[in-house]
């Protein structure tokens, strides 16, 4: 979890947030990234 799963989900969240800030992504993707990161 500490070395693989959580870092991967952090990158997923950061990618979704970056896309959202650049208007190429949507809010549900960011929320899903936050939720998955929280769950992990």
ModelCIF file with pLDDT and N, C-alpha, C, O atoms, coordinates in Angstrom:
data_MODEL
#
_entry.id   MODEL 
#
_entity.id                         1 
_entity.type                       polymer 
_entity.pdbx_number_of_molecules   1 
#
_entity_poly.entity_id                      1 
_entity_poly.type                           'polypeptide(L)' 
_entity_poly.nstd_linkage                   no 
_entity_poly.nstd_monomer                   no 
_entity_poly.pdbx_seq_one_letter_code       
;(UNK)(UNK)(UNK)(UNK)(UNK)(UNK)(UNK)(UNK)(UNK)(UNK)(UNK)(UNK)(UNK)(UNK)(UNK)(UNK)
(UNK)(UNK)(UNK)(UNK)(UNK)(UNK)(UNK)(UNK)(UNK)(UNK)(UNK)(UNK)(UNK)(UNK)(UNK)(UNK)
(UNK)(UNK)(UNK)(UNK)(UNK)(UNK)(UNK)(UNK)
;
_entity_poly.pdbx_seq_one_letter_code_can   XXXXXXXXXXXXXXXXXXXXXXXXXXXXXXXXXXXXXXXX 
_entity_poly.pdbx_strand_id                 A 
#
loop_
_entity_poly_seq.entity_id 
_entity_poly_seq.num 
_entity_poly_seq.mon_id 
_entity_poly_seq.hetero 
1 1  UNK n 
1 2  UNK n 
1 3  UNK n 
1 4  UNK n 
1 5  UNK n 
1 6  UNK n 
1 7  UNK n 
1 8  UNK n 
1 9  UNK n 
1 10 UNK n 
1 11 UNK n 
1 12 UNK n 
1 13 UNK n 
1 14 UNK n 
1 15 UNK n 
1 16 UNK n 
1 17 UNK n 
1 18 UNK n 
1 19 UNK n 
1 20 UNK n 
1 21 UNK n 
1 22 UNK n 
1 23 UNK n 
1 24 UNK n 
1 25 UNK n 
1 26 UNK n 
1 27 UNK n 
1 28 UNK n 
1 29 UNK n 
1 30 UNK n 
1 31 UNK n 
1 32 UNK n 
1 33 UNK n 
1 34 UNK n 
1 35 UNK n 
1 36 UNK n 
1 37 UNK n 
1 38 UNK n 
1 39 UNK n 
1 40 UNK n 
#
_struct_asym.id          A 
_struct_asym.entity_id   1 
#
loop_
_ma_qa_metric.id 
_ma_qa_metric.mode 
_ma_qa_metric.name 
_ma_qa_metric.software_group_id 
_ma_qa_metric.type 
1 global pLDDT . pLDDT 
2 local  pLDDT . pLDDT 
#
_ma_qa_metric_global.metric_id      1 
_ma_qa_metric_global.metric_value   91.67 
_ma_qa_metric_global.model_id       1 
_ma_qa_metric_global.ordinal_id     1 
#
loop_
_ma_qa_metric_local.label_asym_id 
_ma_qa_metric_local.label_comp_id 
_ma_qa_metric_local.label_seq_id 
_ma_qa_metric_local.metric_id 
_ma_qa_metric_local.metric_value 
_ma_qa_metric_local.model_id 
_ma_qa_metric_local.ordinal_id 
A UNK 1  2 96.00 1 1  
A UNK 2  2 95.00 1 2  
A UNK 3  2 96.00 1 3  
A UNK 4  2 96.00 1 4  
A UNK 5  2 96.00 1 5  
A UNK 6  2 95.00 1 6  
A UNK 7  2 96.00 1 7  
A UNK 8  2 96.00 1 8  
A UNK 9  2 95.00 1 9  
A UNK 10 2 94.00 1 10 
A UNK 11 2 94.00 1 11 
A UNK 12 2 94.00 1 12 
A UNK 13 2 92.00 1 13 
A UNK 14 2 92.00 1 14 
A UNK 15 2 93.00 1 15 
A UNK 16 2 92.00 1 16 
A UNK 17 2 90.00 1 17 
A UNK 18 2 91.00 1 18 
A UNK 19 2 90.00 1 19 
A UNK 20 2 86.00 1 20 
A UNK 21 2 86.00 1 21 
A UNK 22 2 86.00 1 22 
A UNK 23 2 84.00 1 23 
A UNK 24 2 83.00 1 24 
A UNK 25 2 84.00 1 25 
A UNK 26 2 89.00 1 26 
A UNK 27 2 88.00 1 27 
A UNK 28 2 90.00 1 28 
A UNK 29 2 91.00 1 29 
A UNK 30 2 90.00 1 30 
A UNK 31 2 91.00 1 31 
A UNK 32 2 91.00 1 32 
A UNK 33 2 92.00 1 33 
A UNK 34 2 92.00 1 34 
A UNK 35 2 91.00 1 35 
A UNK 36 2 93.00 1 36 
A UNK 37 2 93.00 1 37 
A UNK 38 2 94.00 1 38 
A UNK 39 2 94.00 1 39 
A UNK 40 2 96.00 1 40 
#
loop_
_atom_site.group_PDB 
_atom_site.id 
_atom_site.type_symbol 
_atom_site.label_atom_id 
_atom_site.label_alt_id 
_atom_site.label_comp_id 
_atom_site.label_asym_id 
_atom_site.label_entity_id 
_atom_site.label_seq_id 
_atom_site.pdbx_PDB_ins_code 
_atom_site.Cartn_x 
_atom_site.Cartn_y 
_atom_site.Cartn_z 
_atom_site.occupancy 
_atom_site.B_iso_or_equiv 
_atom_site.pdbx_formal_charge 
_atom_site.auth_seq_id 
_atom_site.auth_comp_id 
_atom_site.auth_asym_id 
_atom_site.auth_atom_id 
_atom_site.pdbx_PDB_model_num 
ATOM 1   N N  . UNK A 1 1  ? 0.843   -1.208 0.000   1.00 96.00 ? 1  UNK A N  1 
ATOM 2   C CA . UNK A 1 1  ? 0.000   0.000  0.000   1.00 96.00 ? 1  UNK A CA 1 
ATOM 3   C C  . UNK A 1 1  ? 0.875   1.254  0.000   1.00 96.00 ? 1  UNK A C  1 
ATOM 4   O O  . UNK A 1 1  ? 0.639   2.184  -0.771  1.00 96.00 ? 1  UNK A O  1 
ATOM 5   N N  . UNK A 1 2  ? 1.887   1.269  0.873   1.00 95.00 ? 2  UNK A N  1 
ATOM 6   C CA . UNK A 1 2  ? 2.689   2.474  1.047   1.00 95.00 ? 2  UNK A CA 1 
ATOM 7   C C  . UNK A 1 2  ? 3.604   2.745  -0.149  1.00 95.00 ? 2  UNK A C  1 
ATOM 8   O O  . UNK A 1 2  ? 3.825   3.900  -0.512  1.00 95.00 ? 2  UNK A O  1 
ATOM 9   N N  . UNK A 1 3  ? 4.134   1.685  -0.758  1.00 96.00 ? 3  UNK A N  1 
ATOM 10  C CA . UNK A 1 3  ? 5.127   1.878  -1.808  1.00 96.00 ? 3  UNK A CA 1 
ATOM 11  C C  . UNK A 1 3  ? 4.546   1.841  -3.213  1.00 96.00 ? 3  UNK A C  1 
ATOM 12  O O  . UNK A 1 3  ? 5.130   2.407  -4.137  1.00 96.00 ? 3  UNK A O  1 
ATOM 13  N N  . UNK A 1 4  ? 3.393   1.178  -3.391  1.00 96.00 ? 4  UNK A N  1 
ATOM 14  C CA . UNK A 1 4  ? 2.867   1.010  -4.740  1.00 96.00 ? 4  UNK A CA 1 
ATOM 15  C C  . UNK A 1 4  ? 1.454   1.548  -4.926  1.00 96.00 ? 4  UNK A C  1 
ATOM 16  O O  . UNK A 1 4  ? 1.218   2.411  -5.772  1.00 96.00 ? 4  UNK A O  1 
ATOM 17  N N  . UNK A 1 5  ? 0.515   1.036  -4.132  1.00 96.00 ? 5  UNK A N  1 
ATOM 18  C CA . UNK A 1 5  ? -0.895  1.353  -4.369  1.00 96.00 ? 5  UNK A CA 1 
ATOM 19  C C  . UNK A 1 5  ? -1.188  2.830  -4.133  1.00 96.00 ? 5  UNK A C  1 
ATOM 20  O O  . UNK A 1 5  ? -1.752  3.498  -5.000  1.00 96.00 ? 5  UNK A O  1 
ATOM 21  N N  . UNK A 1 6  ? -0.806  3.347  -2.955  1.00 95.00 ? 6  UNK A N  1 
ATOM 22  C CA . UNK A 1 6  ? -1.108  4.750  -2.631  1.00 95.00 ? 6  UNK A CA 1 
ATOM 23  C C  . UNK A 1 6  ? -0.377  5.716  -3.567  1.00 95.00 ? 6  UNK A C  1 
ATOM 24  O O  . UNK A 1 6  ? -1.003  6.661  -4.048  1.00 95.00 ? 6  UNK A O  1 
ATOM 25  N N  . UNK A 1 7  ? 0.927   5.524  -3.851  1.00 96.00 ? 7  UNK A N  1 
ATOM 26  C CA . UNK A 1 7  ? 1.573   6.416  -4.823  1.00 96.00 ? 7  UNK A CA 1 
ATOM 27  C C  . UNK A 1 7  ? 0.897   6.397  -6.194  1.00 96.00 ? 7  UNK A C  1 
ATOM 28  O O  . UNK A 1 7  ? 0.768   7.439  -6.837  1.00 96.00 ? 7  UNK A O  1 
ATOM 29  N N  . UNK A 1 8  ? 0.461   5.202  -6.648  1.00 96.00 ? 8  UNK A N  1 
ATOM 30  C CA . UNK A 1 8  ? -0.204  5.113  -7.948  1.00 96.00 ? 8  UNK A CA 1 
ATOM 31  C C  . UNK A 1 8  ? -1.528  5.877  -7.941  1.00 96.00 ? 8  UNK A C  1 
ATOM 32  O O  . UNK A 1 8  ? -1.852  6.575  -8.901  1.00 96.00 ? 8  UNK A O  1 
ATOM 33  N N  . UNK A 1 9  ? -2.285  5.743  -6.860  1.00 95.00 ? 9  UNK A N  1 
ATOM 34  C CA . UNK A 1 9  ? -3.559  6.452  -6.769  1.00 95.00 ? 9  UNK A CA 1 
ATOM 35  C C  . UNK A 1 9  ? -3.337  7.956  -6.603  1.00 95.00 ? 9  UNK A C  1 
ATOM 36  O O  . UNK A 1 9  ? -4.148  8.757  -7.068  1.00 95.00 ? 9  UNK A O  1 
ATOM 37  N N  . UNK A 1 10 ? -2.246  8.340  -5.945  1.00 94.00 ? 10 UNK A N  1 
ATOM 38  C CA . UNK A 1 10 ? -1.917  9.764  -5.857  1.00 94.00 ? 10 UNK A CA 1 
ATOM 39  C C  . UNK A 1 10 ? -1.642  10.336 -7.242  1.00 94.00 ? 10 UNK A C  1 
ATOM 40  O O  . UNK A 1 10 ? -2.070  11.445 -7.563  1.00 94.00 ? 10 UNK A O  1 
ATOM 41  N N  . UNK A 1 11 ? -0.935  9.581  -8.042  1.00 94.00 ? 11 UNK A N  1 
ATOM 42  C CA . UNK A 1 11 ? -0.671  10.027 -9.413  1.00 94.00 ? 11 UNK A CA 1 
ATOM 43  C C  . UNK A 1 11 ? -1.958  10.087 -10.230 1.00 94.00 ? 11 UNK A C  1 
ATOM 44  O O  . UNK A 1 11 ? -2.145  10.981 -11.055 1.00 94.00 ? 11 UNK A O  1 
ATOM 45  N N  . UNK A 1 12 ? -2.853  9.106  -9.984  1.00 94.00 ? 12 UNK A N  1 
ATOM 46  C CA . UNK A 1 12 ? -4.143  9.129  -10.674 1.00 94.00 ? 12 UNK A CA 1 
ATOM 47  C C  . UNK A 1 12 ? -4.926  10.378 -10.320 1.00 94.00 ? 12 UNK A C  1 
ATOM 48  O O  . UNK A 1 12 ? -5.501  11.038 -11.185 1.00 94.00 ? 12 UNK A O  1 
ATOM 49  N N  . UNK A 1 13 ? -4.938  10.692 -9.023  1.00 92.00 ? 13 UNK A N  1 
ATOM 50  C CA . UNK A 1 13 ? -5.649  11.896 -8.581  1.00 92.00 ? 13 UNK A CA 1 
ATOM 51  C C  . UNK A 1 13 ? -5.008  13.163 -9.151  1.00 92.00 ? 13 UNK A C  1 
ATOM 52  O O  . UNK A 1 13 ? -5.710  14.059 -9.620  1.00 92.00 ? 13 UNK A O  1 
ATOM 53  N N  . UNK A 1 14 ? -3.690  13.233 -9.111  1.00 92.00 ? 14 UNK A N  1 
ATOM 54  C CA . UNK A 1 14 ? -2.998  14.421 -9.622  1.00 92.00 ? 14 UNK A CA 1 
ATOM 55  C C  . UNK A 1 14 ? -3.230  14.601 -11.120 1.00 92.00 ? 14 UNK A C  1 
ATOM 56  O O  . UNK A 1 14 ? -3.394  15.720 -11.607 1.00 92.00 ? 14 UNK A O  1 
ATOM 57  N N  . UNK A 1 15 ? -3.242  13.469 -11.849 1.00 93.00 ? 15 UNK A N  1 
ATOM 58  C CA . UNK A 1 15 ? -3.497  13.541 -13.299 1.00 93.00 ? 15 UNK A CA 1 
ATOM 59  C C  . UNK A 1 15 ? -4.913  14.031 -13.567 1.00 93.00 ? 15 UNK A C  1 
ATOM 60  O O  . UNK A 1 15 ? -5.131  14.873 -14.438 1.00 93.00 ? 15 UNK A O  1 
ATOM 61  N N  . UNK A 1 16 ? -5.888  13.492 -12.807 1.00 92.00 ? 16 UNK A N  1 
ATOM 62  C CA . UNK A 1 16 ? -7.273  13.923 -12.987 1.00 92.00 ? 16 UNK A CA 1 
ATOM 63  C C  . UNK A 1 16 ? -7.439  15.393 -12.617 1.00 92.00 ? 16 UNK A C  1 
ATOM 64  O O  . UNK A 1 16 ? -8.170  16.124 -13.286 1.00 92.00 ? 16 UNK A O  1 
ATOM 65  N N  . UNK A 1 17 ? -6.765  15.828 -11.556 1.00 90.00 ? 17 UNK A N  1 
ATOM 66  C CA . UNK A 1 17 ? -6.861  17.227 -11.140 1.00 90.00 ? 17 UNK A CA 1 
ATOM 67  C C  . UNK A 1 17 ? -6.218  18.150 -12.173 1.00 90.00 ? 17 UNK A C  1 
ATOM 68  O O  . UNK A 1 17 ? -6.741  19.223 -12.475 1.00 90.00 ? 17 UNK A O  1 
ATOM 69  N N  . UNK A 1 18 ? -5.083  17.721 -12.708 1.00 91.00 ? 18 UNK A N  1 
ATOM 70  C CA . UNK A 1 18 ? -4.414  18.529 -13.722 1.00 91.00 ? 18 UNK A CA 1 
ATOM 71  C C  . UNK A 1 18 ? -5.274  18.663 -14.975 1.00 91.00 ? 18 UNK A C  1 
ATOM 72  O O  . UNK A 1 18 ? -5.365  19.740 -15.563 1.00 91.00 ? 18 UNK A O  1 
ATOM 73  N N  . UNK A 1 19 ? -5.903  17.560 -15.378 1.00 90.00 ? 19 UNK A N  1 
ATOM 74  C CA . UNK A 1 19 ? -6.794  17.607 -16.537 1.00 90.00 ? 19 UNK A CA 1 
ATOM 75  C C  . UNK A 1 19 ? -7.983  18.511 -16.277 1.00 90.00 ? 19 UNK A C  1 
ATOM 76  O O  . UNK A 1 19 ? -8.442  19.240 -17.157 1.00 90.00 ? 19 UNK A O  1 
ATOM 77  N N  . UNK A 1 20 ? -8.480  18.443 -15.025 1.00 86.00 ? 20 UNK A N  1 
ATOM 78  C CA . UNK A 1 20 ? -9.633  19.279 -14.682 1.00 86.00 ? 20 UNK A CA 1 
ATOM 79  C C  . UNK A 1 20 ? -9.256  20.762 -14.702 1.00 86.00 ? 20 UNK A C  1 
ATOM 80  O O  . UNK A 1 20 ? -10.023 21.601 -15.174 1.00 86.00 ? 20 UNK A O  1 
ATOM 81  N N  . UNK A 1 21 ? -8.083  21.070 -14.192 1.00 86.00 ? 21 UNK A N  1 
ATOM 82  C CA . UNK A 1 21 ? -7.643  22.465 -14.183 1.00 86.00 ? 21 UNK A CA 1 
ATOM 83  C C  . UNK A 1 21 ? -7.380  22.993 -15.594 1.00 86.00 ? 21 UNK A C  1 
ATOM 84  O O  . UNK A 1 21 ? -7.477  24.192 -15.854 1.00 86.00 ? 21 UNK A O  1 
ATOM 85  N N  . UNK A 1 22 ? -7.043  22.059 -16.505 1.00 86.00 ? 22 UNK A N  1 
ATOM 86  C CA . UNK A 1 22 ? -6.792  22.455 -17.892 1.00 86.00 ? 22 UNK A CA 1 
ATOM 87  C C  . UNK A 1 22 ? -8.039  22.331 -18.757 1.00 86.00 ? 22 UNK A C  1 
ATOM 88  O O  . UNK A 1 22 ? -7.989  22.475 -19.978 1.00 86.00 ? 22 UNK A O  1 
ATOM 89  N N  . UNK A 1 23 ? -9.183  22.056 -18.077 1.00 84.00 ? 23 UNK A N  1 
ATOM 90  C CA . UNK A 1 23 ? -10.484 21.962 -18.769 1.00 84.00 ? 23 UNK A CA 1 
ATOM 91  C C  . UNK A 1 23 ? -10.541 20.801 -19.755 1.00 84.00 ? 23 UNK A C  1 
ATOM 92  O O  . UNK A 1 23 ? -11.327 20.823 -20.701 1.00 84.00 ? 23 UNK A O  1 
ATOM 93  N N  . UNK A 1 24 ? -9.704  19.784 -19.531 1.00 83.00 ? 24 UNK A N  1 
ATOM 94  C CA . UNK A 1 24 ? -9.768  18.585 -20.375 1.00 83.00 ? 24 UNK A CA 1 
ATOM 95  C C  . UNK A 1 24 ? -10.330 17.391 -19.613 1.00 83.00 ? 24 UNK A C  1 
ATOM 96  O O  . UNK A 1 24 ? -10.494 16.312 -20.181 1.00 83.00 ? 24 UNK A O  1 
ATOM 97  N N  . UNK A 1 25 ? -10.621 17.580 -18.340 1.00 84.00 ? 25 UNK A N  1 
ATOM 98  C CA . UNK A 1 25 ? -11.199 16.533 -17.514 1.00 84.00 ? 25 UNK A CA 1 
ATOM 99  C C  . UNK A 1 25 ? -12.452 17.027 -16.842 1.00 84.00 ? 25 UNK A C  1 
ATOM 100 O O  . UNK A 1 25 ? -12.862 18.171 -17.036 1.00 84.00 ? 25 UNK A O  1 
ATOM 101 N N  . UNK A 1 26 ? -13.068 16.160 -16.044 1.00 89.00 ? 26 UNK A N  1 
ATOM 102 C CA . UNK A 1 26 ? -14.300 16.552 -15.355 1.00 89.00 ? 26 UNK A CA 1 
ATOM 103 C C  . UNK A 1 26 ? -14.170 16.321 -13.859 1.00 89.00 ? 26 UNK A C  1 
ATOM 104 O O  . UNK A 1 26 ? -13.275 15.620 -13.387 1.00 89.00 ? 26 UNK A O  1 
ATOM 105 N N  . UNK A 1 27 ? -15.100 16.940 -13.124 1.00 88.00 ? 27 UNK A N  1 
ATOM 106 C CA . UNK A 1 27 ? -15.078 16.857 -11.657 1.00 88.00 ? 27 UNK A CA 1 
ATOM 107 C C  . UNK A 1 27 ? -15.277 15.435 -11.140 1.00 88.00 ? 27 UNK A C  1 
ATOM 108 O O  . UNK A 1 27 ? -14.579 15.040 -10.206 1.00 88.00 ? 27 UNK A O  1 
ATOM 109 N N  . UNK A 1 28 ? -16.218 14.627 -11.714 1.00 90.00 ? 28 UNK A N  1 
ATOM 110 C CA . UNK A 1 28 ? -16.385 13.251 -11.208 1.00 90.00 ? 28 UNK A CA 1 
ATOM 111 C C  . UNK A 1 28 ? -15.091 12.438 -11.222 1.00 90.00 ? 28 UNK A C  1 
ATOM 112 O O  . UNK A 1 28 ? -14.873 11.608 -10.340 1.00 90.00 ? 28 UNK A O  1 
ATOM 113 N N  . UNK A 1 29 ? -14.234 12.670 -12.215 1.00 91.00 ? 29 UNK A N  1 
ATOM 114 C CA . UNK A 1 29 ? -12.964 11.934 -12.260 1.00 91.00 ? 29 UNK A CA 1 
ATOM 115 C C  . UNK A 1 29 ? -12.070 12.328 -11.098 1.00 91.00 ? 29 UNK A C  1 
ATOM 116 O O  . UNK A 1 29 ? -11.393 11.488 -10.506 1.00 91.00 ? 29 UNK A O  1 
ATOM 117 N N  . UNK A 1 30 ? -12.075 13.627 -10.774 1.00 90.00 ? 30 UNK A N  1 
ATOM 118 C CA . UNK A 1 30 ? -11.276 14.092 -9.632  1.00 90.00 ? 30 UNK A CA 1 
ATOM 119 C C  . UNK A 1 30 ? -11.830 13.533 -8.333  1.00 90.00 ? 30 UNK A C  1 
ATOM 120 O O  . UNK A 1 30 ? -11.083 13.082 -7.465  1.00 90.00 ? 30 UNK A O  1 
ATOM 121 N N  . UNK A 1 31 ? -13.174 13.568 -8.209  1.00 91.00 ? 31 UNK A N  1 
ATOM 122 C CA . UNK A 1 31 ? -13.808 13.036 -6.996  1.00 91.00 ? 31 UNK A CA 1 
ATOM 123 C C  . UNK A 1 31 ? -13.541 11.544 -6.846  1.00 91.00 ? 31 UNK A C  1 
ATOM 124 O O  . UNK A 1 31 ? -13.302 11.053 -5.742  1.00 91.00 ? 31 UNK A O  1 
ATOM 125 N N  . UNK A 1 32 ? -13.585 10.826 -7.971  1.00 91.00 ? 32 UNK A N  1 
ATOM 126 C CA . UNK A 1 32 ? -13.289 9.385  -7.921  1.00 91.00 ? 32 UNK A CA 1 
ATOM 127 C C  . UNK A 1 32 ? -11.846 9.153  -7.492  1.00 91.00 ? 32 UNK A C  1 
ATOM 128 O O  . UNK A 1 32 ? -11.557 8.219  -6.744  1.00 91.00 ? 32 UNK A O  1 
ATOM 129 N N  . UNK A 1 33 ? -10.926 10.021 -7.977  1.00 92.00 ? 33 UNK A N  1 
ATOM 130 C CA . UNK A 1 33 ? -9.534  9.884  -7.578  1.00 92.00 ? 33 UNK A CA 1 
ATOM 131 C C  . UNK A 1 33 ? -9.347  10.131 -6.093  1.00 92.00 ? 33 UNK A C  1 
ATOM 132 O O  . UNK A 1 33 ? -8.601  9.415  -5.425  1.00 92.00 ? 33 UNK A O  1 
ATOM 133 N N  . UNK A 1 34 ? -10.037 11.162 -5.570  1.00 92.00 ? 34 UNK A N  1 
ATOM 134 C CA . UNK A 1 34 ? -9.962  11.450 -4.131  1.00 92.00 ? 34 UNK A CA 1 
ATOM 135 C C  . UNK A 1 34 ? -10.527 10.286 -3.320  1.00 92.00 ? 34 UNK A C  1 
ATOM 136 O O  . UNK A 1 34 ? -9.948  9.875  -2.315  1.00 92.00 ? 34 UNK A O  1 
ATOM 137 N N  . UNK A 1 35 ? -11.664 9.763  -3.771  1.00 91.00 ? 35 UNK A N  1 
ATOM 138 C CA . UNK A 1 35 ? -12.321 8.667  -3.045  1.00 91.00 ? 35 UNK A CA 1 
ATOM 139 C C  . UNK A 1 35 ? -11.465 7.407  -3.043  1.00 91.00 ? 35 UNK A C  1 
ATOM 140 O O  . UNK A 1 35 ? -11.325 6.746  -2.014  1.00 91.00 ? 35 UNK A O  1 
ATOM 141 N N  . UNK A 1 36 ? -10.894 7.078  -4.194  1.00 93.00 ? 36 UNK A N  1 
ATOM 142 C CA . UNK A 1 36 ? -10.035 5.885  -4.268  1.00 93.00 ? 36 UNK A CA 1 
ATOM 143 C C  . UNK A 1 36 ? -8.797  6.052  -3.395  1.00 93.00 ? 36 UNK A C  1 
ATOM 144 O O  . UNK A 1 36 ? -8.369  5.112  -2.725  1.00 93.00 ? 36 UNK A O  1 
ATOM 145 N N  . UNK A 1 37 ? -8.219  7.264  -3.407  1.00 93.00 ? 37 UNK A N  1 
ATOM 146 C CA . UNK A 1 37 ? -7.046  7.516  -2.574  1.00 93.00 ? 37 UNK A CA 1 
ATOM 147 C C  . UNK A 1 37 ? -7.390  7.417  -1.096  1.00 93.00 ? 37 UNK A C  1 
ATOM 148 O O  . UNK A 1 37 ? -6.627  6.857  -0.308  1.00 93.00 ? 37 UNK A O  1 
ATOM 149 N N  . UNK A 1 38 ? -8.549  7.966  -0.722  1.00 94.00 ? 38 UNK A N  1 
ATOM 150 C CA . UNK A 1 38 ? -8.995  7.871  0.675   1.00 94.00 ? 38 UNK A CA 1 
ATOM 151 C C  . UNK A 1 38 ? -9.195  6.414  1.080   1.00 94.00 ? 38 UNK A C  1 
ATOM 152 O O  . UNK A 1 38 ? -8.772  5.996  2.158   1.00 94.00 ? 38 UNK A O  1 
ATOM 153 N N  . UNK A 1 39 ? -9.849  5.643  0.201   1.00 94.00 ? 39 UNK A N  1 
ATOM 154 C CA . UNK A 1 39 ? -10.116 4.232  0.512   1.00 94.00 ? 39 UNK A CA 1 
ATOM 155 C C  . UNK A 1 39 ? -8.812  3.459  0.694   1.00 94.00 ? 39 UNK A C  1 
ATOM 156 O O  . UNK A 1 39 ? -8.699  2.631  1.598   1.00 94.00 ? 39 UNK A O  1 
ATOM 157 N N  . UNK A 1 40 ? -7.826  3.732  -0.169  1.00 96.00 ? 40 UNK A N  1 
ATOM 158 C CA . UNK A 1 40 ? -6.547  3.021  -0.071  1.00 96.00 ? 40 UNK A CA 1 
ATOM 159 C C  . UNK A 1 40 ? -5.822  3.377  1.218   1.00 96.00 ? 40 UNK A C  1 
ATOM 160 O O  . UNK A 1 40 ? -4.728  2.873  1.471   1.00 96.00 ? 40 UNK A O  1 
#
